[in-house]
Amino acid sequence: MHSCEYCAYFIYDEDSESYYCDIDLDEDDYYNFIKSSGRNCPYFRNGDEYGVVKHQM
């Protein structure tokens, strides 16, 4: 299971002082995303820049 903490879409909002998921979903995608909670997120993108560079080597 992927953790939101490591996702590139997990953004910190300074105004509300909280994190949120910054994926632009249409109504159907949003429904499927909410319905599948507890499973691996299909939109997860690793935000670890070191991991990306390591993979490219």
N, C-alpha and C. Protein backbone atom coordinates (compact mmCIF):
# COMPACT_ATOMS: atom_id res chain seq x y z
N MET A 1 0.84 -1.17 0.00
CA MET A 1 0.00 0.00 0.00
C MET A 1 0.89 1.24 0.00
N HIS A 2 0.56 2.20 -0.84
CA HIS A 2 1.32 3.44 -0.92
C HIS A 2 0.87 4.41 0.17
N SER A 3 1.82 5.14 0.68
CA SER A 3 1.51 6.14 1.70
C SER A 3 1.43 7.51 1.05
N CYS A 4 0.40 8.26 1.37
CA CYS A 4 0.24 9.60 0.81
C CYS A 4 1.42 10.50 1.14
N GLU A 5 2.08 10.24 2.26
CA GLU A 5 3.21 11.07 2.67
C GLU A 5 4.32 11.11 1.62
N TYR A 6 4.45 10.06 0.82
CA TYR A 6 5.50 9.97 -0.18
C TYR A 6 5.02 10.29 -1.58
N CYS A 7 3.78 10.67 -1.72
CA CYS A 7 3.21 10.92 -3.05
C CYS A 7 3.50 12.35 -3.50
N ALA A 8 3.82 12.51 -4.77
CA ALA A 8 4.11 13.82 -5.34
C ALA A 8 2.86 14.71 -5.36
N TYR A 9 1.69 14.12 -5.29
CA TYR A 9 0.44 14.89 -5.31
C TYR A 9 -0.01 15.34 -3.92
N PHE A 10 0.70 14.93 -2.88
CA PHE A 10 0.35 15.28 -1.51
C PHE A 10 0.98 16.63 -1.19
N ILE A 11 0.19 17.69 -1.24
CA ILE A 11 0.67 19.07 -1.19
C ILE A 11 0.31 19.73 0.14
N TYR A 12 1.22 20.54 0.63
CA TYR A 12 0.96 21.30 1.86
C TYR A 12 0.37 22.66 1.49
N ASP A 13 -0.76 23.00 2.11
CA ASP A 13 -1.41 24.28 1.90
C ASP A 13 -1.11 25.17 3.09
N GLU A 14 -0.36 26.25 2.84
CA GLU A 14 0.04 27.14 3.93
C GLU A 14 -1.14 27.88 4.54
N ASP A 15 -2.16 28.18 3.74
CA ASP A 15 -3.32 28.92 4.25
C ASP A 15 -4.09 28.11 5.29
N SER A 16 -4.34 26.84 4.98
CA SER A 16 -5.09 25.99 5.92
C SER A 16 -4.17 25.21 6.86
N GLU A 17 -2.86 25.29 6.60
CA GLU A 17 -1.85 24.58 7.38
C GLU A 17 -2.13 23.08 7.46
N SER A 18 -2.46 22.51 6.30
CA SER A 18 -2.73 21.07 6.23
C SER A 18 -2.33 20.54 4.85
N TYR A 19 -2.24 19.23 4.78
CA TYR A 19 -1.91 18.57 3.52
C TYR A 19 -3.19 18.12 2.82
N TYR A 20 -3.13 18.04 1.50
CA TYR A 20 -4.26 17.53 0.72
C TYR A 20 -3.75 16.89 -0.56
N CYS A 21 -4.61 16.10 -1.16
CA CYS A 21 -4.29 15.43 -2.42
C CYS A 21 -4.63 16.37 -3.57
N ASP A 22 -3.67 16.66 -4.42
CA ASP A 22 -3.82 17.65 -5.48
C ASP A 22 -4.07 17.02 -6.86
N ILE A 23 -4.82 15.94 -6.90
CA ILE A 23 -5.13 15.30 -8.17
C ILE A 23 -6.43 15.87 -8.70
N ASP A 24 -6.43 16.24 -9.97
CA ASP A 24 -7.62 16.79 -10.61
C ASP A 24 -8.43 15.62 -11.19
N LEU A 25 -9.51 15.26 -10.50
CA LEU A 25 -10.33 14.12 -10.91
C LEU A 25 -11.70 14.58 -11.39
N ASP A 26 -12.22 13.91 -12.40
CA ASP A 26 -13.61 14.19 -12.77
C ASP A 26 -14.52 13.43 -11.81
N GLU A 27 -15.81 13.59 -11.96
CA GLU A 27 -16.77 13.02 -11.01
C GLU A 27 -16.67 11.50 -10.91
N ASP A 28 -16.55 10.81 -12.04
CA ASP A 28 -16.46 9.35 -12.04
C ASP A 28 -15.15 8.87 -11.40
N ASP A 29 -14.05 9.51 -11.75
CA ASP A 29 -12.76 9.13 -11.17
C ASP A 29 -12.76 9.36 -9.67
N TYR A 30 -13.35 10.48 -9.23
CA TYR A 30 -13.41 10.77 -7.80
C TYR A 30 -14.21 9.69 -7.06
N TYR A 31 -15.34 9.29 -7.63
CA TYR A 31 -16.16 8.24 -7.02
C TYR A 31 -15.36 6.95 -6.89
N ASN A 32 -14.67 6.56 -7.95
CA ASN A 32 -13.87 5.33 -7.92
C ASN A 32 -12.71 5.44 -6.92
N PHE A 33 -12.13 6.62 -6.81
CA PHE A 33 -11.04 6.85 -5.87
C PHE A 33 -11.53 6.69 -4.43
N ILE A 34 -12.66 7.28 -4.10
CA ILE A 34 -13.23 7.18 -2.75
C ILE A 34 -13.68 5.74 -2.46
N LYS A 35 -14.28 5.11 -3.44
CA LYS A 35 -14.79 3.74 -3.29
C LYS A 35 -13.65 2.75 -3.02
N SER A 36 -12.48 3.01 -3.57
CA SER A 36 -11.36 2.07 -3.45
C SER A 36 -10.46 2.36 -2.26
N SER A 37 -10.93 3.15 -1.30
CA SER A 37 -10.08 3.49 -0.16
C SER A 37 -9.62 2.22 0.56
N GLY A 38 -8.37 2.24 1.01
CA GLY A 38 -7.80 1.08 1.67
C GLY A 38 -6.97 0.23 0.74
N ARG A 39 -7.08 0.49 -0.55
CA ARG A 39 -6.25 -0.23 -1.54
C ARG A 39 -5.13 0.69 -2.00
N ASN A 40 -4.30 0.17 -2.88
CA ASN A 40 -3.25 1.00 -3.45
C ASN A 40 -3.86 2.11 -4.29
N CYS A 41 -3.38 3.31 -4.12
CA CYS A 41 -3.87 4.45 -4.88
C CYS A 41 -3.41 4.32 -6.33
N PRO A 42 -4.33 4.35 -7.29
CA PRO A 42 -3.93 4.22 -8.69
C PRO A 42 -3.23 5.48 -9.21
N TYR A 43 -3.29 6.56 -8.47
CA TYR A 43 -2.69 7.83 -8.90
C TYR A 43 -1.38 8.14 -8.19
N PHE A 44 -0.92 7.22 -7.36
CA PHE A 44 0.31 7.44 -6.60
C PHE A 44 1.49 7.69 -7.54
N ARG A 45 2.23 8.73 -7.25
CA ARG A 45 3.47 9.01 -7.97
C ARG A 45 4.52 9.33 -6.92
N ASN A 46 5.59 8.56 -6.91
CA ASN A 46 6.62 8.72 -5.90
C ASN A 46 7.24 10.11 -5.99
N GLY A 47 7.19 10.85 -4.91
CA GLY A 47 7.75 12.19 -4.86
C GLY A 47 9.18 12.21 -4.39
N ASP A 48 9.78 11.04 -4.21
CA ASP A 48 11.16 10.93 -3.75
C ASP A 48 12.11 11.17 -4.92
N GLU A 49 12.66 12.38 -5.00
CA GLU A 49 13.54 12.72 -6.12
C GLU A 49 14.80 11.84 -6.14
N TYR A 50 15.30 11.46 -4.98
CA TYR A 50 16.48 10.60 -4.94
C TYR A 50 16.16 9.24 -5.55
N GLY A 51 14.99 8.71 -5.27
CA GLY A 51 14.60 7.43 -5.83
C GLY A 51 14.47 7.48 -7.33
N VAL A 52 13.98 8.60 -7.86
CA VAL A 52 13.84 8.76 -9.30
C VAL A 52 15.22 8.79 -9.96
N VAL A 53 16.14 9.55 -9.40
CA VAL A 53 17.50 9.65 -9.95
C VAL A 53 18.20 8.30 -9.85
N LYS A 54 18.04 7.62 -8.73
CA LYS A 54 18.67 6.31 -8.53
C LYS A 54 18.18 5.32 -9.60
N HIS A 55 16.89 5.39 -9.94
CA HIS A 55 16.33 4.49 -10.96
C HIS A 55 16.90 4.81 -12.33
N GLN A 56 17.22 6.06 -12.61
CA GLN A 56 17.73 6.47 -13.92
C GLN A 56 19.19 6.06 -14.13
N MET A 57 19.90 5.76 -13.05
CA MET A 57 21.33 5.43 -13.14
C MET A 57 21.55 4.05 -13.66
